[in-house]
PDB file of N, CA and C in Angstrom:
ATOM      1  N   MET A   1      29.682  14.089  40.368  1.00  0.00           N
ATOM      2  CA  MET A   1      28.628  14.317  39.399  1.00  0.00           C
ATOM      3  C   MET A   1      27.244  13.517  39.988  1.00  0.00           C
ATOM      4  N   LYS A   2      26.197  14.123  40.060  1.00  0.00           N
ATOM      5  CA  LYS A   2      25.020  13.701  40.653  1.00  0.00           C
ATOM      6  C   LYS A   2      24.371  12.635  39.601  1.00  0.00           C
ATOM      7  N   LYS A   3      23.931  11.609  40.134  1.00  0.00           N
ATOM      8  CA  LYS A   3      23.249  10.678  39.240  1.00  0.00           C
ATOM      9  C   LYS A   3      21.718  10.918  39.187  1.00  0.00           C
ATOM     10  N   ILE A   4      21.375  10.972  37.979  1.00  0.00           N
ATOM     11  CA  ILE A   4      19.843  11.172  37.586  1.00  0.00           C
ATOM     12  C   ILE A   4      19.089   9.975  37.524  1.00  0.00           C
ATOM     13  N   LEU A   5      18.146   9.728  38.272  1.00  0.00           N
ATOM     14  CA  LEU A   5      17.217   8.612  38.087  1.00  0.00           C
ATOM     15  C   LEU A   5      15.892   9.005  37.108  1.00  0.00           C
ATOM     16  N   TYR A   6      15.734   8.074  36.334  1.00  0.00           N
ATOM     17  CA  TYR A   6      14.622   8.400  35.349  1.00  0.00           C
ATOM     18  C   TYR A   6      13.496   7.243  35.877  1.00  0.00           C
ATOM     19  N   THR A   7      12.663   7.649  36.847  1.00  0.00           N
ATOM     20  CA  THR A   7      11.857   6.821  37.132  1.00  0.00           C
ATOM     21  C   THR A   7      10.356   7.237  37.009  1.00  0.00           C
ATOM     22  N   ASP A   8      10.090   8.400  36.140  1.00  0.00           N
ATOM     23  CA  ASP A   8       8.810   8.974  35.899  1.00  0.00           C
ATOM     24  C   ASP A   8       8.466   8.645  34.582  1.00  0.00           C
ATOM     25  N   PHE A   9       8.836   7.789  33.968  1.00  0.00           N
ATOM     26  CA  PHE A   9       8.560   7.299  32.350  1.00  0.00           C
ATOM     27  C   PHE A   9       7.087   6.670  32.461  1.00  0.00           C
ATOM     28  N   THR A  10       6.366   7.029  31.609  1.00  0.00           N
ATOM     29  CA  THR A  10       5.127   6.375  31.187  1.00  0.00           C
ATOM     30  C   THR A  10       5.228   5.049  30.646  1.00  0.00           C
ATOM     31  N   SER A  11       4.761   3.991  30.958  1.00  0.00           N
ATOM     32  CA  SER A  11       4.975   2.700  30.314  1.00  0.00           C
ATOM     33  C   SER A  11       4.234   2.523  29.131  1.00  0.00           C
ATOM     34  N   THR A  12       4.715   1.600  28.170  1.00  0.00           N
ATOM     35  CA  THR A  12       4.196   1.595  26.919  1.00  0.00           C
ATOM     36  C   THR A  12       2.806   1.023  26.937  1.00  0.00           C
ATOM     37  N   ASP A  13       2.537   0.236  27.930  1.00  0.00           N
ATOM     38  CA  ASP A  13       1.246  -0.159  28.057  1.00  0.00           C
ATOM     39  C   ASP A  13       0.100   0.979  28.567  1.00  0.00           C
ATOM     40  N   GLU A  14       0.580   1.769  29.318  1.00  0.00           N
ATOM     41  CA  GLU A  14      -0.165   2.986  29.560  1.00  0.00           C
ATOM     42  C   GLU A  14      -0.505   3.805  28.298  1.00  0.00           C
ATOM     43  N   ILE A  15       0.611   4.145  27.406  1.00  0.00           N
ATOM     44  CA  ILE A  15       0.626   4.807  26.373  1.00  0.00           C
ATOM     45  C   ILE A  15      -0.509   4.126  25.360  1.00  0.00           C
ATOM     46  N   ILE A  16      -0.262   2.791  25.044  1.00  0.00           N
ATOM     47  CA  ILE A  16      -1.334   2.121  24.301  1.00  0.00           C
ATOM     48  C   ILE A  16      -2.598   2.167  24.635  1.00  0.00           C
ATOM     49  N   SER A  17      -2.925   2.065  25.941  1.00  0.00           N
ATOM     50  CA  SER A  17      -4.224   2.005  26.471  1.00  0.00           C
ATOM     51  C   SER A  17      -4.872   3.289  26.176  1.00  0.00           C
ATOM     52  N   LYS A  18      -4.123   4.410  26.532  1.00  0.00           N
ATOM     53  CA  LYS A  18      -4.631   5.750  26.201  1.00  0.00           C
ATOM     54  C   LYS A  18      -4.862   6.140  24.906  1.00  0.00           C
ATOM     55  N   LEU A  19      -3.947   5.526  23.800  1.00  0.00           N
ATOM     56  CA  LEU A  19      -4.400   5.523  22.473  1.00  0.00           C
ATOM     57  C   LEU A  19      -5.589   4.896  22.005  1.00  0.00           C
ATOM     58  N   LEU A  20      -5.868   3.577  22.702  1.00  0.00           N
ATOM     59  CA  LEU A  20      -6.897   2.849  22.155  1.00  0.00           C
ATOM     60  C   LEU A  20      -8.213   3.453  22.647  1.00  0.00           C
ATOM     61  N   GLU A  21      -8.361   4.468  23.653  1.00  0.00           N
ATOM     62  CA  GLU A  21      -9.395   4.903  24.262  1.00  0.00           C
ATOM     63  C   GLU A  21      -9.795   6.144  23.131  1.00  0.00           C
ATOM     64  N   GLU A  22      -8.924   6.858  22.505  1.00  0.00           N
ATOM     65  CA  GLU A  22      -9.172   7.830  21.387  1.00  0.00           C
ATOM     66  C   GLU A  22     -10.008   7.284  20.440  1.00  0.00           C
ATOM     67  N   LYS A  23     -11.016   8.045  20.079  1.00  0.00           N
ATOM     68  CA  LYS A  23     -11.914   7.788  19.033  1.00  0.00           C
ATOM     69  C   LYS A  23     -11.360   7.739  17.711  1.00  0.00           C
ATOM     70  N   GLU A  24     -10.556   8.764  17.415  1.00  0.00           N
ATOM     71  CA  GLU A  24      -9.844   8.918  16.124  1.00  0.00           C
ATOM     72  C   GLU A  24      -8.977   7.688  15.819  1.00  0.00           C
ATOM     73  N   PHE A  25      -8.225   7.234  16.991  1.00  0.00           N
ATOM     74  CA  PHE A  25      -7.146   6.156  16.770  1.00  0.00           C
ATOM     75  C   PHE A  25      -8.110   4.896  16.433  1.00  0.00           C
ATOM     76  N   LYS A  26      -9.012   4.687  17.200  1.00  0.00           N
ATOM     77  CA  LYS A  26      -9.851   3.238  16.936  1.00  0.00           C
ATOM     78  C   LYS A  26     -10.417   3.372  15.593  1.00  0.00           C
ATOM     79  N   ARG A  27     -10.979   4.531  14.881  1.00  0.00           N
ATOM     80  CA  ARG A  27     -11.369   4.760  13.730  1.00  0.00           C
ATOM     81  C   ARG A  27     -10.433   4.226  12.598  1.00  0.00           C
ATOM     82  N   ALA A  28      -9.025   4.947  12.867  1.00  0.00           N
ATOM     83  CA  ALA A  28      -7.941   4.719  12.098  1.00  0.00           C
ATOM     84  C   ALA A  28      -7.598   3.140  12.174  1.00  0.00           C
ATOM     85  N   MET A  29      -7.677   2.612  13.094  1.00  0.00           N
ATOM     86  CA  MET A  29      -7.126   1.148  13.313  1.00  0.00           C
ATOM     87  C   MET A  29      -8.208   0.351  12.560  1.00  0.00           C
ATOM     88  N   THR A  30      -9.507   0.600  12.681  1.00  0.00           N
ATOM     89  CA  THR A  30     -10.544  -0.326  12.090  1.00  0.00           C
ATOM     90  C   THR A  30     -10.341   0.047  10.625  1.00  0.00           C
ATOM     91  N   ARG A  31     -10.180   1.074  10.063  1.00  0.00           N
ATOM     92  CA  ARG A  31     -10.165   1.193   8.660  1.00  0.00           C
ATOM     93  C   ARG A  31      -8.874   0.665   8.139  1.00  0.00           C
ATOM     94  N   SER A  32      -7.814   0.639   8.835  1.00  0.00           N
ATOM     95  CA  SER A  32      -6.490   0.020   8.276  1.00  0.00           C
ATOM     96  C   SER A  32      -6.940  -1.436   8.382  1.00  0.00           C
ATOM     97  N   ASN A  33      -7.476  -2.074   9.352  1.00  0.00           N
ATOM     98  CA  ASN A  33      -7.888  -3.412   9.281  1.00  0.00           C
ATOM     99  C   ASN A  33      -8.721  -3.830   8.078  1.00  0.00           C
ATOM    100  N   LEU A  34      -9.761  -2.909   7.887  1.00  0.00           N
ATOM    101  CA  LEU A  34     -10.479  -3.003   6.697  1.00  0.00           C
ATOM    102  C   LEU A  34      -9.870  -2.969   5.514  1.00  0.00           C
ATOM    103  N   TYR A  35      -8.986  -2.211   5.054  1.00  0.00           N
ATOM    104  CA  TYR A  35      -8.186  -2.016   4.062  1.00  0.00           C
ATOM    105  C   TYR A  35      -7.350  -3.235   3.714  1.00  0.00           C
ATOM    106  N   LYS A  36      -6.806  -4.157   4.686  1.00  0.00           N
ATOM    107  CA  LYS A  36      -5.956  -5.135   4.606  1.00  0.00           C
ATOM    108  C   LYS A  36      -6.937  -6.332   3.834  1.00  0.00           C
ATOM    109  N   PHE A  37      -8.307  -6.240   3.993  1.00  0.00           N
ATOM    110  CA  PHE A  37      -9.116  -7.226   3.160  1.00  0.00           C
ATOM    111  C   PHE A  37      -9.286  -6.903   1.870  1.00  0.00           C
ATOM    112  N   TRP A  38      -8.962  -5.892   1.309  1.00  0.00           N
ATOM    113  CA  TRP A  38      -9.215  -5.519  -0.151  1.00  0.00           C
ATOM    114  C   TRP A  38      -8.612  -6.536  -0.983  1.00  0.00           C
ATOM    115  N   SER A  39      -7.432  -6.990  -0.825  1.00  0.00           N
ATOM    116  CA  SER A  39      -6.866  -8.159  -1.792  1.00  0.00           C
ATOM    117  C   SER A  39      -7.938  -9.324  -1.751  1.00  0.00           C
ATOM    118  N   LYS A  40      -8.496  -9.743  -0.682  1.00  0.00           N
ATOM    119  CA  LYS A  40      -9.297 -10.980  -0.683  1.00  0.00           C
ATOM    120  C   LYS A  40     -10.546 -10.493  -1.452  1.00  0.00           C
ATOM    121  N   VAL A  41     -10.960  -9.379  -1.422  1.00  0.00           N
ATOM    122  CA  VAL A  41     -12.198  -8.999  -1.871  1.00  0.00           C
ATOM    123  C   VAL A  41     -12.123  -8.754  -3.323  1.00  0.00           C
ATOM    124  N   ALA A  42     -11.072  -8.296  -3.775  1.00  0.00           N
ATOM    125  CA  ALA A  42     -10.771  -7.681  -5.089  1.00  0.00           C
ATOM    126  C   ALA A  42     -10.173  -8.859  -5.962  1.00  0.00           C
ATOM    127  N   GLY A  43      -9.427  -9.690  -5.352  1.00  0.00           N
ATOM    128  CA  GLY A  43      -8.716 -10.908  -5.894  1.00  0.00           C
ATOM    129  C   GLY A  43      -7.573 -10.513  -6.376  1.00  0.00           C
ATOM    130  N   ALA A  44      -6.565 -11.467  -6.778  1.00  0.00           N
ATOM    131  CA  ALA A  44      -5.130 -11.003  -6.942  1.00  0.00           C
ATOM    132  C   ALA A  44      -4.912 -10.092  -8.086  1.00  0.00           C
ATOM    133  N   LYS A  45      -5.748 -10.518  -9.345  1.00  0.00           N
ATOM    134  CA  LYS A  45      -5.561  -9.587 -10.398  1.00  0.00           C
ATOM    135  C   LYS A  45      -5.803  -7.889 -10.102  1.00  0.00           C
ATOM    136  N   PHE A  46      -6.915  -7.747  -9.393  1.00  0.00           N
ATOM    137  CA  PHE A  46      -7.215  -6.282  -9.166  1.00  0.00           C
ATOM    138  C   PHE A  46      -6.422  -5.735  -7.784  1.00  0.00           C
ATOM    139  N   ALA A  47      -6.004  -6.703  -6.981  1.00  0.00           N
ATOM    140  CA  ALA A  47      -5.360  -6.344  -5.874  1.00  0.00           C
ATOM    141  C   ALA A  47      -4.035  -5.503  -6.125  1.00  0.00           C
ATOM    142  N   ALA A  48      -3.497  -5.901  -7.028  1.00  0.00           N
ATOM    143  CA  ALA A  48      -2.006  -5.453  -7.560  1.00  0.00           C
ATOM    144  C   ALA A  48      -2.165  -4.168  -8.184  1.00  0.00           C
ATOM    145  N   LYS A  49      -3.391  -3.666  -8.796  1.00  0.00           N
ATOM    146  CA  LYS A  49      -3.737  -2.629  -9.581  1.00  0.00           C
ATOM    147  C   LYS A  49      -4.596  -1.515  -8.929  1.00  0.00           C
ATOM    148  N   SER A  50      -5.032  -2.009  -7.609  1.00  0.00           N
ATOM    149  CA  SER A  50      -5.883  -0.962  -6.894  1.00  0.00           C
ATOM    150  C   SER A  50      -5.854  -1.092  -5.416  1.00  0.00           C
ATOM    151  N   LYS A  51      -6.091  -0.126  -4.704  1.00  0.00           N
ATOM    152  CA  LYS A  51      -6.026  -0.260  -3.363  1.00  0.00           C
ATOM    153  C   LYS A  51      -6.763   0.739  -2.439  1.00  0.00           C
ATOM    154  N   PRO A  52      -7.325   0.503  -1.241  1.00  0.00           N
ATOM    155  CA  PRO A  52      -8.091   1.495  -0.738  1.00  0.00           C
ATOM    156  C   PRO A  52      -7.430   2.633  -0.252  1.00  0.00           C
ATOM    157  N   TYR A  53      -8.069   3.914  -0.714  1.00  0.00           N
ATOM    158  CA  TYR A  53      -7.426   5.107  -0.462  1.00  0.00           C
ATOM    159  C   TYR A  53      -7.786   5.824   0.658  1.00  0.00           C
ATOM    160  N   SER A  54      -9.269   5.895   0.774  1.00  0.00           N
ATOM    161  CA  SER A  54      -9.836   6.610   2.118  1.00  0.00           C
ATOM    162  C   SER A  54     -11.217   6.534   2.204  1.00  0.00           C
ATOM    163  N   MET A  55     -11.842   7.025   3.119  1.00  0.00           N
ATOM    164  CA  MET A  55     -13.256   6.762   3.418  1.00  0.00           C
ATOM    165  C   MET A  55     -13.866   8.444   3.210  1.00  0.00           C
ATOM    166  N   LEU A  56     -15.008   8.328   2.534  1.00  0.00           N
ATOM    167  CA  LEU A  56     -15.713   9.656   2.524  1.00  0.00           C
ATOM    168  C   LEU A  56     -16.994   9.684   3.396  1.00  0.00           C
ATOM    169  N   GLY A  57     -17.551  10.839   3.687  1.00  0.00           N
ATOM    170  CA  GLY A  57     -18.832  10.676   4.371  1.00  0.00           C
ATOM    171  C   GLY A  57     -19.854   9.907   3.881  1.00  0.00           C
ATOM    172  N   GLY A  58     -20.807   9.425   4.669  1.00  0.00           N
ATOM    173  CA  GLY A  58     -21.897   8.636   4.048  1.00  0.00           C
ATOM    174  C   GLY A  58     -21.625   7.099   3.640  1.00  0.00           C
ATOM    175  N   GLY A  59     -20.442   6.754   4.128  1.00  0.00           N
ATOM    176  CA  GLY A  59     -19.896   5.247   3.993  1.00  0.00           C
ATOM    177  C   GLY A  59     -19.444   5.194   2.477  1.00  0.00           C
ATOM    178  N   VAL A  60     -18.793   5.900   2.016  1.00  0.00           N
ATOM    179  CA  VAL A  60     -18.092   5.645   0.659  1.00  0.00           C
ATOM    180  C   VAL A  60     -16.679   5.564   0.619  1.00  0.00           C
ATOM    181  N   MET A  61     -16.431   4.477   0.262  1.00  0.00           N
ATOM    182  CA  MET A  61     -14.766   4.105   0.440  1.00  0.00           C
ATOM    183  C   MET A  61     -14.253   4.542  -0.912  1.00  0.00           C
ATOM    184  N   VAL A  62     -13.091   5.008  -1.036  1.00  0.00           N
ATOM    185  CA  VAL A  62     -12.467   5.470  -2.234  1.00  0.00           C
ATOM    186  C   VAL A  62     -11.333   4.526  -2.606  1.00  0.00           C
ATOM    187  N   ILE A  63     -11.227   3.972  -3.668  1.00  0.00           N
ATOM    188  CA  ILE A  63     -10.305   2.860  -4.121  1.00  0.00           C
ATOM    189  C   ILE A  63      -9.481   3.599  -5.103  1.00  0.00           C
ATOM    190  N   ALA A  64      -8.253   3.732  -5.075  1.00  0.00           N
ATOM    191  CA  ALA A  64      -7.202   4.226  -6.047  1.00  0.00           C
ATOM    192  C   ALA A  64      -6.819   3.067  -6.905  1.00  0.00           C
ATOM    193  N   CYS A  65      -7.028   3.487  -8.031  1.00  0.00           N
ATOM    194  CA  CYS A  65      -6.790   2.482  -9.379  1.00  0.00           C
ATOM    195  C   CYS A  65      -5.541   3.043 -10.245  1.00  0.00           C
ATOM    196  N   GLU A  66      -4.915   2.051 -10.755  1.00  0.00           N
ATOM    197  CA  GLU A  66      -3.775   2.179 -11.441  1.00  0.00           C
ATOM    198  C   GLU A  66      -4.076   3.020 -12.662  1.00  0.00           C
ATOM    199  N   ASN A  67      -4.917   2.879 -13.412  1.00  0.00           N
ATOM    200  CA  ASN A  67      -5.431   3.574 -14.416  1.00  0.00           C
ATOM    201  C   ASN A  67      -7.191   3.549 -14.575  1.00  0.00           C
ATOM    202  N   SER A  68      -7.493   4.210 -15.528  1.00  0.00           N
ATOM    203  CA  SER A  68      -8.937   4.311 -15.806  1.00  0.00           C
ATOM    204  C   SER A  68      -9.529   2.835 -16.277  1.00  0.00           C
ATOM    205  N   ILE A  69      -8.779   2.072 -16.994  1.00  0.00           N
ATOM    206  CA  ILE A  69      -9.254   0.970 -17.256  1.00  0.00           C
ATOM    207  C   ILE A  69      -9.640  -0.051 -16.055  1.00  0.00           C
ATOM    208  N   VAL A  70      -8.605  -0.064 -15.259  1.00  0.00           N
ATOM    209  CA  VAL A  70      -8.859  -0.826 -13.934  1.00  0.00           C
ATOM    210  C   VAL A  70     -10.131  -0.279 -13.209  1.00  0.00           C
ATOM    211  N   ALA A  71     -10.270   1.061 -13.225  1.00  0.00           N
ATOM    212  CA  ALA A  71     -11.436   1.682 -12.328  1.00  0.00           C
ATOM    213  C   ALA A  71     -12.707   1.416 -12.999  1.00  0.00           C
ATOM    214  N   GLN A  72     -12.682   1.224 -14.258  1.00  0.00           N
ATOM    215  CA  GLN A  72     -13.832   0.845 -15.030  1.00  0.00           C
ATOM    216  C   GLN A  72     -14.309  -0.638 -14.936  1.00  0.00           C
ATOM    217  N   GLU A  73     -13.316  -1.306 -14.948  1.00  0.00           N
ATOM    218  CA  GLU A  73     -13.587  -2.832 -14.559  1.00  0.00           C
ATOM    219  C   GLU A  73     -14.061  -3.040 -13.311  1.00  0.00           C
ATOM    220  N   LEU A  74     -13.580  -2.271 -12.314  1.00  0.00           N
ATOM    221  CA  LEU A  74     -13.902  -2.413 -10.822  1.00  0.00           C
ATOM    222  C   LEU A  74     -15.425  -1.832 -10.640  1.00  0.00           C
ATOM    223  N   MET A  75     -15.576  -0.755 -11.449  1.00  0.00           N
ATOM    224  CA  MET A  75     -16.926  -0.121 -11.344  1.00  0.00           C
ATOM    225  C   MET A  75     -18.051  -1.079 -11.805  1.00  0.00           C
ATOM    226  N   LEU A  76     -17.735  -1.921 -12.745  1.00  0.00           N
ATOM    227  CA  LEU A  76     -18.683  -2.854 -13.236  1.00  0.00           C
ATOM    228  C   LEU A  76     -18.873  -4.031 -12.372  1.00  0.00           C
ATOM    229  N   LYS A  77     -17.989  -4.214 -11.422  1.00  0.00           N
ATOM    230  CA  LYS A  77     -17.993  -5.477 -10.440  1.00  0.00           C
ATOM    231  C   LYS A  77     -18.451  -4.831  -8.996  1.00  0.00           C
ATOM    232  N   LYS A  78     -18.806  -3.485  -9.026  1.00  0.00           N
ATOM    233  CA  LYS A  78     -19.060  -2.733  -7.676  1.00  0.00           C
ATOM    234  C   LYS A  78     -19.855  -3.717  -6.734  1.00  0.00           C
ATOM    235  N   THR A  79     -21.122  -4.098  -7.402  1.00  0.00           N
ATOM    236  CA  THR A  79     -22.134  -4.855  -6.639  1.00  0.00           C
ATOM    237  C   THR A  79     -21.429  -6.112  -5.978  1.00  0.00           C
ATOM    238  N   GLN A  80     -20.870  -6.883  -6.883  1.00  0.00           N
ATOM    239  CA  GLN A  80     -19.952  -8.086  -6.309  1.00  0.00           C
ATOM    240  C   GLN A  80     -19.016  -7.814  -5.255  1.00  0.00           C
ATOM    241  N   LEU A  81     -18.389  -6.711  -5.372  1.00  0.00           N
ATOM    242  CA  LEU A  81     -17.444  -6.506  -4.415  1.00  0.00           C
ATOM    243  C   LEU A  81     -17.968  -6.054  -3.119  1.00  0.00           C
ATOM    244  N   LEU A  82     -19.239  -5.336  -2.988  1.00  0.00           N
ATOM    245  CA  LEU A  82     -19.817  -4.910  -1.913  1.00  0.00           C
ATOM    246  C   LEU A  82     -20.319  -6.095  -1.199  1.00  0.00           C
ATOM    247  N   VAL A  83     -20.879  -7.090  -1.997  1.00  0.00           N
ATOM    248  CA  VAL A  83     -21.354  -8.455  -1.309  1.00  0.00           C
ATOM    249  C   VAL A  83     -20.109  -9.122  -0.664  1.00  0.00           C
ATOM    250  N   LYS A  84     -18.886  -9.096  -1.499  1.00  0.00           N
ATOM    251  CA  LYS A  84     -17.806  -9.849  -0.690  1.00  0.00           C
ATOM    252  C   LYS A  84     -17.273  -9.182   0.505  1.00  0.00           C
ATOM    253  N   PHE A  85     -17.381  -7.751   0.562  1.00  0.00           N
ATOM    254  CA  PHE A  85     -17.052  -7.138   1.521  1.00  0.00           C
ATOM    255  C   PHE A  85     -18.095  -7.305   2.733  1.00  0.00           C
ATOM    256  N   LYS A  86     -19.169  -7.690   2.723  1.00  0.00           N
ATOM    257  CA  LYS A  86     -20.111  -7.540   3.751  1.00  0.00           C
ATOM    258  C   LYS A  86     -19.701  -8.194   4.920  1.00  0.00           C
ATOM    259  N   PRO A  87     -19.225  -9.586   4.890  1.00  0.00           N
ATOM    260  CA  PRO A  87     -18.828 -10.277   6.084  1.00  0.00           C
ATOM    261  C   PRO A  87     -17.659  -9.294   6.948  1.00  0.00           C
ATOM    262  N   TYR A  88     -16.594  -8.796   6.177  1.00  0.00           N
ATOM    263  CA  TYR A  88     -15.703  -8.015   6.841  1.00  0.00           C
ATOM    264  C   TYR A  88     -16.370  -6.830   7.360  1.00  0.00           C
ATOM    265  N   LEU A  89     -17.192  -6.199   6.769  1.00  0.00           N
ATOM    266  CA  LEU A  89     -17.645  -4.940   7.332  1.00  0.00           C
ATOM    267  C   LEU A  89     -18.506  -5.096   8.500  1.00  0.00           C
ATOM    268  N   GLU A  90     -19.257  -6.382   8.559  1.00  0.00           N
ATOM    269  CA  GLU A  90     -20.011  -6.632   9.822  1.00  0.00           C
ATOM    270  C   GLU A  90     -19.173  -6.902  10.906  1.00  0.00           C
ATOM    271  N   SER A  91     -18.194  -7.589  10.690  1.00  0.00           N
ATOM    272  CA  SER A  91     -17.215  -8.135  11.803  1.00  0.00           C
ATOM    273  C   SER A  91     -16.464  -6.772  12.385  1.00  0.00           C
ATOM    274  N   LEU A  92     -16.242  -5.806  11.600  1.00  0.00           N
ATOM    275  CA  LEU A  92     -15.359  -4.451  11.904  1.00  0.00           C
ATOM    276  C   LEU A  92     -16.485  -3.558  12.465  1.00  0.00           C
ATOM    277  N   LYS A  93     -17.791  -3.965  12.255  1.00  0.00           N
ATOM    278  CA  LYS A  93     -18.758  -2.865  12.426  1.00  0.00           C
ATOM    279  C   LYS A  93     -18.673  -1.464  11.672  1.00  0.00           C
ATOM    280  N   ILE A  94     -18.290  -1.476  10.429  1.00  0.00           N
ATOM    281  CA  ILE A  94     -18.337  -0.397   9.587  1.00  0.00           C
ATOM    282  C   ILE A  94     -19.339  -0.568   8.495  1.00  0.00           C
ATOM    283  N   ASN A  95     -19.731   0.805   8.241  1.00  0.00           N
ATOM    284  CA  ASN A  95     -20.813   0.932   7.247  1.00  0.00           C
ATOM    285  C   ASN A  95     -20.193   1.439   6.005  1.00  0.00           C
ATOM    286  N   VAL A  96     -20.190   0.582   5.043  1.00  0.00           N
ATOM    287  CA  VAL A  96     -19.628   1.071   3.566  1.00  0.00           C
ATOM    288  C   VAL A  96     -20.886   0.955   2.769  1.00  0.00           C
ATOM    289  N   LYS A  97     -21.390   1.800   2.104  1.00  0.00           N
ATOM    290  CA  LYS A  97     -22.712   1.755   1.357  1.00  0.00           C
ATOM    291  C   LYS A  97     -22.244   1.692  -0.201  1.00  0.00           C
ATOM    292  N   ASP A  98     -21.022   2.220  -0.503  1.00  0.00           N
ATOM    293  CA  ASP A  98     -20.622   2.689  -2.118  1.00  0.00           C
ATOM    294  C   ASP A  98     -19.067   2.703  -2.057  1.00  0.00           C
ATOM    295  N   LEU A  99     -18.685   2.316  -3.443  1.00  0.00           N
ATOM    296  CA  LEU A  99     -17.363   2.229  -3.606  1.00  0.00           C
ATOM    297  C   LEU A  99     -17.138   3.184  -4.786  1.00  0.00           C
ATOM    298  N   LYS A 100     -16.224   4.207  -4.591  1.00  0.00           N
ATOM    299  CA  LYS A 100     -15.730   5.058  -5.570  1.00  0.00           C
ATOM    300  C   LYS A 100     -14.361   4.686  -6.084  1.00  0.00           C
ATOM    301  N   PHE A 101     -14.150   4.622  -7.462  1.00  0.00           N
ATOM    302  CA  PHE A 101     -13.000   4.126  -7.992  1.00  0.00           C
ATOM    303  C   PHE A 101     -12.101   5.444  -8.562  1.00  0.00           C
ATOM    304  N   ASP A 102     -11.076   5.607  -8.435  1.00  0.00           N
ATOM    305  CA  ASP A 102     -10.327   6.941  -8.789  1.00  0.00           C
ATOM    306  C   ASP A 102      -8.977   6.692  -9.260  1.00  0.00           C
ATOM    307  N   ALA A 103      -8.641   6.789 -10.495  1.00  0.00           N
ATOM    308  CA  ALA A 103      -7.316   6.594 -11.034  1.00  0.00           C
ATOM    309  C   ALA A 103      -6.430   7.744 -10.641  1.00  0.00           C
ATOM    310  N   LYS A 104      -7.050   8.841 -10.552  1.00  0.00           N
ATOM    311  CA  LYS A 104      -6.054   9.978 -10.094  1.00  0.00           C
ATOM    312  C   LYS A 104      -5.467   9.859  -8.754  1.00  0.00           C
ATOM    313  N   LYS A 105      -5.966   9.017  -7.893  1.00  0.00           N
ATOM    314  CA  LYS A 105      -5.422   8.857  -6.538  1.00  0.00           C
ATOM    315  C   LYS A 105      -4.335   7.783  -6.587  1.00  0.00           C
ATOM    316  N   TRP A 106      -3.899   7.234  -7.762  1.00  0.00           N
ATOM    317  CA  TRP A 106      -2.888   6.094  -7.621  1.00  0.00           C
ATOM    318  C   TRP A 106      -1.535   6.690  -7.392  1.00  0.00           C
ATOM    319  N   GLU A 107      -0.906   6.002  -6.412  1.00  0.00           N
ATOM    320  CA  GLU A 107       0.613   6.392  -6.181  1.00  0.00           C
ATOM    321  C   GLU A 107       1.276   5.123  -6.403  1.00  0.00           C
ATOM    322  N   GLY A 108       2.063   4.898  -7.493  1.00  0.00           N
ATOM    323  CA  GLY A 108       3.066   3.894  -7.738  1.00  0.00           C
ATOM    324  C   GLY A 108       3.908   3.319  -6.550  1.00  0.00           C
ATOM    325  N   GLU A 109       3.990   2.259  -6.355  1.00  0.00           N
ATOM    326  CA  GLU A 109       5.175   1.683  -5.318  1.00  0.00           C
ATOM    327  C   GLU A 109       6.240   1.413  -5.869  1.00  0.00           C
TER     328      GLU A 109
END
């Protein structure tokens, strides 16, 4: 039986560097990092009952809320939340102008 040599594999370093060059992948990684800061911005009380869902055009970040009461409370705190988000947005170079709170997007864990 002939021995097969597998020497033409692409290294993981090459794969990762190619991924990092792709615009869509960079955008997804940046958004993922931004979403991780939600708990710090929203606070423990709201972090358990809401989470970032997606980004819409024009710099609108959609936040999924456990119910409409949570969405309403967060809506009342929107200005404060945007101010708290500002340092994270600047460090990640993301433009978020508005927050939209949606109880319909909630998926229980």
